Structure formats: structure tokens, C-alpha cells
């Protein structure tokens, strides 16, 4: 009598089935278990659906890239966290504060328009004026023509192969946090004030590379701006001549 073939769905004593995949328990790694568990609990943030409603030309692939950008742009974990809050649409703009019943109005304190996050970070006339000044400064400093769209400001510039664009992403991230801090205090935006703050943050970024022994990587990444931020004093006249 012939032995019947062993059914494919019967596991041997040293096998385990996870997410419809069969593993040898003696070869299964903790990392494989971790990622299989994570796949079960990961959910797409609801903010992505809202962003896609507002910007229908964006898709899931775009957002996969946007969520990686903060880590590629800066080693400052607080700055990375701030950008993740933007991506999850939980920055307390006036519209959000009104929705949370913290503010009695959802209108911008600068121009009186409805203050959702896009307006807060980009469309407000006061904010647009600041971005235009910063763009002009970058163009005059490195002779590189660039226009920043609302997508570039909110989510970042997707091209991470160009080190100059990585630098500009760094500026955008810090500029958004500067705008946030000034608006919380109901104060105006000043480019020169921001640039002096930016210099300190570039030096801090450099020190992070130094600590890890990656200074050559920093020099390569920041070659367009080291003369402005590192090698020479960033005094009032040195900044203002490029504005």
C-alpha cells in the first residue's frame, strides 16, 4: 500500500505559520516576527486621506517619500517630530484650535482668512512674503533659481539626490518651525532674524556629524553654504547683502 502524499497544509513539528507564510521555528528571527506583527497593526494615517482630498494629484507613493524626508534632511529629532506633526495635520493652526474648541475663531490673526494648515504655512500673505524673501536670499547666495510651491513647503522637496535641494529642505523645515513659533506669540516674521537662527542650527547640525565622525559627509552635503554658515561670521552685513 502506497503512502499518501503529505497534505501541503499540515505543518511539521518545527514549522510555524505567520500571515499565511510558513517558517522553520529554528530559523525564524525576531526581526521577522516583529515585522509580521507590525503589518497587522499598521494603519494608514487618516491625515493622508485629508491631504489627498486637498491635493488630489498626490498619492500613497508620494507620502511614502514625504515620511522619509525629515530623517534624510536633518539629524535633529525635534525637527523631525515637528514635520511628522505637519504630515499628520496636528499643528495647532487657528482652524484646528477652533475645531478643538480652544479658540473662538478659525480665522488667521494676520489676514482674517480661514486658517487651515495650508494657509497657516503657505497661503497667508504674511507667510508668503517671508517665503519669497527666503527664496530670493537662496537664489542670490548660490545663484540657483528656485520656486517653492505649497507642496514643497508643507511636505518637502522630493528630490533627495541633489545636495543643494537637501539643504533647502533643511531651510524649509526650520522656517516652518520659526513661523510656528512666531505665530504662537502673535509676532511678525523677519528674514534676518530667521537667518541668524538658521546659522546656529547649521552649526548644531555640523556638531552632530562631528560627534559621529562624519564631518566629511557634512562638508560634502553643505558645500554650497559652508562659506556662509561655517567659515565666515554671519553678521548683519554678510546676510543682508544677499537679501
C-alpha atoms as a PDB file:
ATOM      1  CA  UNK A   1       0.000   0.000   0.000  1.00  0.00           C
ATOM      2  CA  UNK A   2       1.338   3.367  -1.095  1.00  0.00           C
ATOM      3  CA  UNK A   3       1.777   6.092   1.463  1.00  0.00           C
ATOM      4  CA  UNK A   4      -0.482   9.029   0.671  1.00  0.00           C
ATOM      5  CA  UNK A   5       1.279  12.271  -0.111  1.00  0.00           C
ATOM      6  CA  UNK A   6       1.529  14.567   2.874  1.00  0.00           C
ATOM      7  CA  UNK A   7      -1.094  17.339   2.692  1.00  0.00           C
ATOM      8  CA  UNK A   8       0.501  20.721   1.932  1.00  0.00           C
ATOM      9  CA  UNK A   9      -1.365  22.495   4.736  1.00  0.00           C
ATOM     10  CA  UNK A  10      -0.069  20.245   7.524  1.00  0.00           C
ATOM     11  CA  UNK A  11       2.856  21.698   9.450  1.00  0.00           C
ATOM     12  CA  UNK A  12       5.700  19.637  10.813  1.00  0.00           C
ATOM     13  CA  UNK A  13       6.756  19.950  14.445  1.00  0.00           C
ATOM     14  CA  UNK A  14       9.430  22.524  13.603  1.00  0.00           C
ATOM     15  CA  UNK A  15       7.253  24.785  11.434  1.00  0.00           C
ATOM     16  CA  UNK A  16       5.000  27.747  12.194  1.00  0.00           C
ATOM     17  CA  UNK A  17       2.580  29.689  10.005  1.00  0.00           C
ATOM     18  CA  UNK A  18       2.540  33.504  10.300  1.00  0.00           C
ATOM     19  CA  UNK A  19       0.468  35.652   7.941  1.00  0.00           C
ATOM     20  CA  UNK A  20      -0.021  32.645   5.632  1.00  0.00           C
ATOM     21  CA  UNK A  21       3.738  32.125   5.424  1.00  0.00           C
ATOM     22  CA  UNK A  22       5.442  29.001   6.762  1.00  0.00           C
ATOM     23  CA  UNK A  23       8.687  29.398   8.716  1.00  0.00           C
ATOM     24  CA  UNK A  24      11.085  26.973  10.327  1.00  0.00           C
ATOM     25  CA  UNK A  25      10.946  27.901  14.025  1.00  0.00           C
ATOM     26  CA  UNK A  26      14.689  27.250  14.388  1.00  0.00           C
ATOM     27  CA  UNK A  27      15.479  29.705  11.581  1.00  0.00           C
ATOM     28  CA  UNK A  28      12.832  32.340  12.336  1.00  0.00           C
ATOM     29  CA  UNK A  29      14.374  35.630  13.500  1.00  0.00           C
ATOM     30  CA  UNK A  30      12.928  38.106  15.983  1.00  0.00           C
ATOM     31  CA  UNK A  31      13.003  40.729  13.207  1.00  0.00           C
ATOM     32  CA  UNK A  32      10.720  38.601  11.011  1.00  0.00           C
ATOM     33  CA  UNK A  33       8.286  38.188  13.920  1.00  0.00           C
ATOM     34  CA  UNK A  34       8.402  41.948  14.620  1.00  0.00           C
ATOM     35  CA  UNK A  35       7.600  42.974  11.058  1.00  0.00           C
ATOM     36  CA  UNK A  36       4.827  40.401  10.720  1.00  0.00           C
ATOM     37  CA  UNK A  37       3.192  41.723  13.887  1.00  0.00           C
ATOM     38  CA  UNK A  38       3.686  45.292  12.703  1.00  0.00           C
ATOM     39  CA  UNK A  39       1.958  44.560   9.392  1.00  0.00           C
ATOM     40  CA  UNK A  40      -1.161  43.606  11.356  1.00  0.00           C
ATOM     41  CA  UNK A  41      -1.367  46.852  13.331  1.00  0.00           C
ATOM     42  CA  UNK A  42      -0.090  49.464  10.852  1.00  0.00           C
ATOM     43  CA  UNK A  43      -2.904  51.655   9.552  1.00  0.00           C
ATOM     44  CA  UNK A  44      -2.765  54.478   7.028  1.00  0.00           C
ATOM     45  CA  UNK A  45      -2.982  57.797   8.922  1.00  0.00           C
ATOM     46  CA  UNK A  46      -6.355  59.481   8.376  1.00  0.00           C
ATOM     47  CA  UNK A  47      -4.489  62.724   7.669  1.00  0.00           C
ATOM     48  CA  UNK A  48      -3.280  61.259   4.367  1.00  0.00           C
ATOM     49  CA  UNK A  49      -6.844  60.963   3.078  1.00  0.00           C
ATOM     50  CA  UNK A  50      -7.446  64.597   4.014  1.00  0.00           C
ATOM     51  CA  UNK A  51      -4.253  65.735   2.324  1.00  0.00           C
ATOM     52  CA  UNK A  52      -5.145  63.793  -0.827  1.00  0.00           C
ATOM     53  CA  UNK A  53      -8.619  65.381  -0.776  1.00  0.00           C
ATOM     54  CA  UNK A  54      -6.915  68.790  -0.714  1.00  0.00           C
ATOM     55  CA  UNK A  55      -4.181  67.847  -3.211  1.00  0.00           C
ATOM     56  CA  UNK A  56      -5.723  65.118  -5.439  1.00  0.00           C
ATOM     57  CA  UNK A  57      -2.605  64.809  -7.601  1.00  0.00           C
ATOM     58  CA  UNK A  58      -0.705  63.279  -4.651  1.00  0.00           C
ATOM     59  CA  UNK A  59      -0.782  59.537  -3.965  1.00  0.00           C
ATOM     60  CA  UNK A  60       0.408  56.969  -1.419  1.00  0.00           C
ATOM     61  CA  UNK A  61       3.805  56.690  -3.108  1.00  0.00           C
ATOM     62  CA  UNK A  62       4.359  60.441  -2.680  1.00  0.00           C
ATOM     63  CA  UNK A  63       3.604  60.169   1.019  1.00  0.00           C
ATOM     64  CA  UNK A  64       5.953  57.222   1.468  1.00  0.00           C
ATOM     65  CA  UNK A  65       8.658  59.584   0.292  1.00  0.00           C
ATOM     66  CA  UNK A  66       7.406  62.543   2.357  1.00  0.00           C
ATOM     67  CA  UNK A  67       7.548  60.484   5.554  1.00  0.00           C
ATOM     68  CA  UNK A  68      11.185  59.593   4.847  1.00  0.00           C
ATOM     69  CA  UNK A  69      12.282  63.172   4.094  1.00  0.00           C
ATOM     70  CA  UNK A  70      12.608  64.529   7.670  1.00  0.00           C
ATOM     71  CA  UNK A  71      15.134  61.847   8.557  1.00  0.00           C
ATOM     72  CA  UNK A  72      17.122  62.481   5.372  1.00  0.00           C
ATOM     73  CA  UNK A  73      17.051  66.240   5.860  1.00  0.00           C
ATOM     74  CA  UNK A  74      18.229  66.691   9.440  1.00  0.00           C
ATOM     75  CA  UNK A  75      19.578  64.757  12.416  1.00  0.00           C
ATOM     76  CA  UNK A  76      17.555  66.945  14.797  1.00  0.00           C
ATOM     77  CA  UNK A  77      14.910  64.594  16.254  1.00  0.00           C
ATOM     78  CA  UNK A  78      12.774  67.506  17.497  1.00  0.00           C
ATOM     79  CA  UNK A  79      12.693  68.928  13.981  1.00  0.00           C
ATOM     80  CA  UNK A  80      11.816  65.521  12.547  1.00  0.00           C
ATOM     81  CA  UNK A  81       8.971  65.194  15.082  1.00  0.00           C
ATOM     82  CA  UNK A  82       7.686  68.641  14.144  1.00  0.00           C
ATOM     83  CA  UNK A  83       7.477  67.636  10.475  1.00  0.00           C
ATOM     84  CA  UNK A  84       5.677  64.389  11.371  1.00  0.00           C
ATOM     85  CA  UNK A  85       3.097  66.531  13.192  1.00  0.00           C
ATOM     86  CA  UNK A  86       2.638  68.520   9.985  1.00  0.00           C
ATOM     87  CA  UNK A  87       2.236  65.321   7.961  1.00  0.00           C
ATOM     88  CA  UNK A  88      -0.363  64.130  10.479  1.00  0.00           C
ATOM     89  CA  UNK A  89      -2.068  67.537  10.339  1.00  0.00           C
ATOM     90  CA  UNK A  90      -1.991  68.192  14.087  1.00  0.00           C
ATOM     91  CA  UNK A  91      -0.207  71.558  14.145  1.00  0.00           C
ATOM     92  CA  UNK A  92      -2.461  73.955  16.125  1.00  0.00           C
ATOM     93  CA  UNK A  93      -3.369  76.448  13.396  1.00  0.00           C
ATOM     94  CA  UNK A  94      -6.421  78.617  14.137  1.00  0.00           C
ATOM     95  CA  UNK A  95      -8.801  76.304  12.258  1.00  0.00           C
ATOM     96  CA  UNK A  96      -7.564  73.344  14.284  1.00  0.00           C
ATOM     97  CA  UNK A  97      -7.832  75.261  17.582  1.00  0.00           C
ATOM     98  CA  UNK A  98     -11.382  76.276  16.662  1.00  0.00           C
ATOM     99  CA  UNK A  99     -12.231  72.646  15.853  1.00  0.00           C
ATOM    100  CA  UNK A 100     -10.811  71.618  19.232  1.00  0.00           C
ATOM    101  CA  UNK A 101     -12.918  74.365  20.895  1.00  0.00           C
ATOM    102  CA  UNK A 102      -9.768  76.064  22.190  1.00  0.00           C
ATOM    103  CA  UNK A 103     -10.185  79.204  20.086  1.00  0.00           C
ATOM    104  CA  UNK A 104     -13.348  81.172  19.407  1.00  0.00           C
ATOM    105  CA  UNK A 105     -12.339  81.702  15.765  1.00  0.00           C
ATOM    106  CA  UNK A 106     -10.769  79.719  12.955  1.00  0.00           C
ATOM    107  CA  UNK A 107      -9.551  82.846  11.154  1.00  0.00           C
ATOM    108  CA  UNK A 108      -5.927  83.873  10.636  1.00  0.00           C
ATOM    109  CA  UNK A 109      -4.705  86.561  13.053  1.00  0.00           C
ATOM    110  CA  UNK A 110      -2.707  88.201  10.230  1.00  0.00           C
ATOM    111  CA  UNK A 111      -5.129  88.372   7.305  1.00  0.00           C
ATOM    112  CA  UNK A 112      -8.517  87.141   8.545  1.00  0.00           C
ATOM    113  CA  UNK A 113      -8.781  84.207   6.104  1.00  0.00           C
ATOM    114  CA  UNK A 114      -9.734  80.677   7.158  1.00  0.00           C
ATOM    115  CA  UNK A 115      -6.581  79.398   8.794  1.00  0.00           C
ATOM    116  CA  UNK A 116      -6.178  75.715   7.920  1.00  0.00           C
ATOM    117  CA  UNK A 117      -2.661  74.278   7.877  1.00  0.00           C
ATOM    118  CA  UNK A 118      -2.039  75.106   4.207  1.00  0.00           C
ATOM    119  CA  UNK A 119      -2.948  78.726   4.838  1.00  0.00           C
ATOM    120  CA  UNK A 120      -1.009  78.800   8.090  1.00  0.00           C
ATOM    121  CA  UNK A 121       2.228  77.601   6.476  1.00  0.00           C
ATOM    122  CA  UNK A 122       1.924  78.987   2.945  1.00  0.00           C
ATOM    123  CA  UNK A 123      -1.097  80.898   1.658  1.00  0.00           C
ATOM    124  CA  UNK A 124      -1.262  83.651   4.290  1.00  0.00           C
ATOM    125  CA  UNK A 125       0.046  86.860   2.700  1.00  0.00           C
ATOM    126  CA  UNK A 126       2.426  87.482   5.618  1.00  0.00           C
ATOM    127  CA  UNK A 127       3.815  83.966   5.329  1.00  0.00           C
ATOM    128  CA  UNK A 128       4.101  84.137   1.536  1.00  0.00           C
ATOM    129  CA  UNK A 129       6.086  87.341   1.838  1.00  0.00           C
ATOM    130  CA  UNK A 130       8.511  85.586   4.204  1.00  0.00           C
ATOM    131  CA  UNK A 131       8.905  82.613   1.824  1.00  0.00           C
ATOM    132  CA  UNK A 132       9.546  84.988  -1.096  1.00  0.00           C
ATOM    133  CA  UNK A 133      12.292  86.730   0.875  1.00  0.00           C
ATOM    134  CA  UNK A 134      13.893  83.416   1.822  1.00  0.00           C
ATOM    135  CA  UNK A 135      13.713  82.177  -1.776  1.00  0.00           C
ATOM    136  CA  UNK A 136      15.365  85.379  -3.030  1.00  0.00           C
ATOM    137  CA  UNK A 137      18.114  85.003  -0.420  1.00  0.00           C
ATOM    138  CA  UNK A 138      18.833  81.417  -1.518  1.00  0.00           C
ATOM    139  CA  UNK A 139      18.877  82.449  -5.181  1.00  0.00           C
ATOM    140  CA  UNK A 140      21.254  85.363  -4.545  1.00  0.00           C
ATOM    141  CA  UNK A 141      23.510  83.278  -2.294  1.00  0.00           C
ATOM    142  CA  UNK A 142      24.071  80.246  -4.541  1.00  0.00           C
ATOM    143  CA  UNK A 143      22.884  81.590  -7.914  1.00  0.00           C
ATOM    144  CA  UNK A 144      20.236  78.886  -8.100  1.00  0.00           C
ATOM    145  CA  UNK A 145      16.760  79.750  -9.321  1.00  0.00           C
ATOM    146  CA  UNK A 146      14.018  78.058  -7.342  1.00  0.00           C
ATOM    147  CA  UNK A 147      10.311  78.488  -6.763  1.00  0.00           C
ATOM    148  CA  UNK A 148       8.722  76.903  -3.721  1.00  0.00           C
ATOM    149  CA  UNK A 149       5.200  75.557  -4.188  1.00  0.00           C
ATOM    150  CA  UNK A 150       2.723  74.826  -1.424  1.00  0.00           C
ATOM    151  CA  UNK A 151       3.646  71.122  -1.773  1.00  0.00           C
ATOM    152  CA  UNK A 152       7.358  71.913  -1.334  1.00  0.00           C
ATOM    153  CA  UNK A 153       6.628  73.954   1.783  1.00  0.00           C
ATOM    154  CA  UNK A 154       4.228  71.562   3.514  1.00  0.00           C
ATOM    155  CA  UNK A 155       5.770  68.219   2.568  1.00  0.00           C
ATOM    156  CA  UNK A 156       9.301  68.990   1.355  1.00  0.00           C
ATOM    157  CA  UNK A 157      11.075  68.766  -1.992  1.00  0.00           C
ATOM    158  CA  UNK A 158      11.107  65.140  -3.137  1.00  0.00           C
ATOM    159  CA  UNK A 159      14.438  65.147  -4.991  1.00  0.00           C
ATOM    160  CA  UNK A 160      16.948  63.927  -2.382  1.00  0.00           C
ATOM    161  CA  UNK A 161      19.740  63.165  -4.872  1.00  0.00           C
ATOM    162  CA  UNK A 162      20.635  66.855  -5.145  1.00  0.00           C
ATOM    163  CA  UNK A 163      22.505  68.007  -2.029  1.00  0.00           C
ATOM    164  CA  UNK A 164      21.501  71.634  -2.650  1.00  0.00           C
ATOM    165  CA  UNK A 165      17.839  70.641  -2.528  1.00  0.00           C
ATOM    166  CA  UNK A 166      18.538  68.718   0.692  1.00  0.00           C
ATOM    167  CA  UNK A 167      19.951  71.954   2.131  1.00  0.00           C
ATOM    168  CA  UNK A 168      16.846  73.825   1.002  1.00  0.00           C
ATOM    169  CA  UNK A 169      14.673  71.152   2.642  1.00  0.00           C
ATOM    170  CA  UNK A 170      16.629  71.833   5.837  1.00  0.00           C
ATOM    171  CA  UNK A 171      15.873  75.562   5.488  1.00  0.00           C
ATOM    172  CA  UNK A 172      12.191  74.852   4.832  1.00  0.00           C
ATOM    173  CA  UNK A 173      11.892  72.668   7.925  1.00  0.00           C
ATOM    174  CA  UNK A 174      13.472  75.267  10.172  1.00  0.00           C
ATOM    175  CA  UNK A 175      11.483  78.061   8.535  1.00  0.00           C
ATOM    176  CA  UNK A 176       8.219  76.236   9.255  1.00  0.00           C
ATOM    177  CA  UNK A 177       9.165  75.847  12.899  1.00  0.00           C
ATOM    178  CA  UNK A 178      10.146  79.538  13.006  1.00  0.00           C
ATOM    179  CA  UNK A 179       6.755  80.506  11.517  1.00  0.00           C
ATOM    180  CA  UNK A 180       5.015  78.282  14.061  1.00  0.00           C
ATOM    181  CA  UNK A 181       6.881  79.813  16.998  1.00  0.00           C
ATOM    182  CA  UNK A 182       6.275  83.388  15.828  1.00  0.00           C
ATOM    183  CA  UNK A 183       2.579  82.812  15.192  1.00  0.00           C
ATOM    184  CA  UNK A 184       2.097  81.293  18.629  1.00  0.00           C
ATOM    185  CA  UNK A 185       3.468  84.552  20.060  1.00  0.00           C
ATOM    186  CA  UNK A 186       1.470  86.624  17.536  1.00  0.00           C
ATOM    187  CA  UNK A 187       4.667  88.233  16.226  1.00  0.00           C
ATOM    188  CA  UNK A 188       5.840  89.279  12.761  1.00  0.00           C
ATOM    189  CA  UNK A 189       8.255  87.265  10.609  1.00  0.00           C
ATOM    190  CA  UNK A 190      11.724  88.662   9.928  1.00  0.00           C
ATOM    191  CA  UNK A 191      14.110  87.065   7.467  1.00  0.00           C
ATOM    192  CA  UNK A 192      17.293  88.356   9.088  1.00  0.00           C
ATOM    193  CA  UNK A 193      16.208  87.044  12.490  1.00  0.00           C
ATOM    194  CA  UNK A 194      15.466  83.668  10.925  1.00  0.00           C
ATOM    195  CA  UNK A 195      18.817  83.519   9.096  1.00  0.00           C
ATOM    196  CA  UNK A 196      20.729  84.149  12.306  1.00  0.00           C
ATOM    197  CA  UNK A 197      18.736  81.336  13.959  1.00  0.00           C
ATOM    198  CA  UNK A 198      19.412  79.163  10.900  1.00  0.00           C
ATOM    199  CA  UNK A 199      23.155  79.691  11.226  1.00  0.00           C
ATOM    200  CA  UNK A 200      23.069  78.355  14.779  1.00  0.00           C
ATOM    201  CA  UNK A 201      21.086  75.321  13.643  1.00  0.00           C
ATOM    202  CA  UNK A 202      23.522  74.568  10.801  1.00  0.00           C
ATOM    203  CA  UNK A 203      26.403  74.715  13.317  1.00  0.00           C
ATOM    204  CA  UNK A 204      24.496  72.346  15.620  1.00  0.00           C
ATOM    205  CA  UNK A 205      23.914  70.036  12.651  1.00  0.00           C
ATOM    206  CA  UNK A 206      27.644  70.152  11.909  1.00  0.00           C
ATOM    207  CA  UNK A 207      28.421  69.207  15.512  1.00  0.00           C
ATOM    208  CA  UNK A 208      26.139  66.163  15.235  1.00  0.00           C
ATOM    209  CA  UNK A 209      28.208  64.985  12.267  1.00  0.00           C
ATOM    210  CA  UNK A 210      31.440  65.727  14.161  1.00  0.00           C
ATOM    211  CA  UNK A 211      30.365  63.642  17.146  1.00  0.00           C
ATOM    212  CA  UNK A 212      29.701  60.665  14.865  1.00  0.00           C
ATOM    213  CA  UNK A 213      32.963  61.192  12.961  1.00  0.00           C
ATOM    214  CA  UNK A 214      31.105  62.108   9.759  1.00  0.00           C
ATOM    215  CA  UNK A 215      32.460  65.609   9.178  1.00  0.00           C
ATOM    216  CA  UNK A 216      33.495  64.858   5.577  1.00  0.00           C
ATOM    217  CA  UNK A 217      29.896  63.852   4.900  1.00  0.00           C
ATOM    218  CA  UNK A 218      28.724  67.161   6.372  1.00  0.00           C
ATOM    219  CA  UNK A 219      31.179  69.154   4.240  1.00  0.00           C
ATOM    220  CA  UNK A 220      30.032  67.341   1.122  1.00  0.00           C
ATOM    221  CA  UNK A 221      26.359  67.815   1.925  1.00  0.00           C
ATOM    222  CA  UNK A 222      26.731  71.502   2.848  1.00  0.00           C
ATOM    223  CA  UNK A 223      29.377  72.594   0.315  1.00  0.00           C
ATOM    224  CA  UNK A 224      27.058  75.246  -1.161  1.00  0.00           C
ATOM    225  CA  UNK A 225      26.638  77.055   2.151  1.00  0.00           C
ATOM    226  CA  UNK A 226      29.731  76.441   4.306  1.00  0.00           C
ATOM    227  CA  UNK A 227      31.209  79.828   3.368  1.00  0.00           C
ATOM    228  CA  UNK A 228      28.006  81.482   4.581  1.00  0.00           C
ATOM    229  CA  UNK A 229      27.274  79.472   7.712  1.00  0.00           C
ATOM    230  CA  UNK A 230      30.559  77.981   8.863  1.00  0.00           C
ATOM    231  CA  UNK A 231      33.750  79.587   7.551  1.00  0.00           C
ATOM    232  CA  UNK A 232      32.771  83.230   7.928  1.00  0.00           C
ATOM    233  CA  UNK A 233      30.942  85.163  10.610  1.00  0.00           C
ATOM    234  CA  UNK A 234      27.282  85.506   9.781  1.00  0.00           C
ATOM    235  CA  UNK A 235      26.972  89.159  10.702  1.00  0.00           C
ATOM    236  CA  UNK A 236      24.205  91.543   9.729  1.00  0.00           C
ATOM    237  CA  UNK A 237      26.005  92.876   6.628  1.00  0.00           C
ATOM    238  CA  UNK A 238      27.046  89.446   5.370  1.00  0.00           C
ATOM    239  CA  UNK A 239      23.440  88.287   5.410  1.00  0.00           C
ATOM    240  CA  UNK A 240      21.796  91.477   4.228  1.00  0.00           C
ATOM    241  CA  UNK A 241      23.898  91.793   1.065  1.00  0.00           C
ATOM    242  CA  UNK A 242      22.264  88.605  -0.268  1.00  0.00           C
ATOM    243  CA  UNK A 243      18.682  89.609   0.526  1.00  0.00           C
END
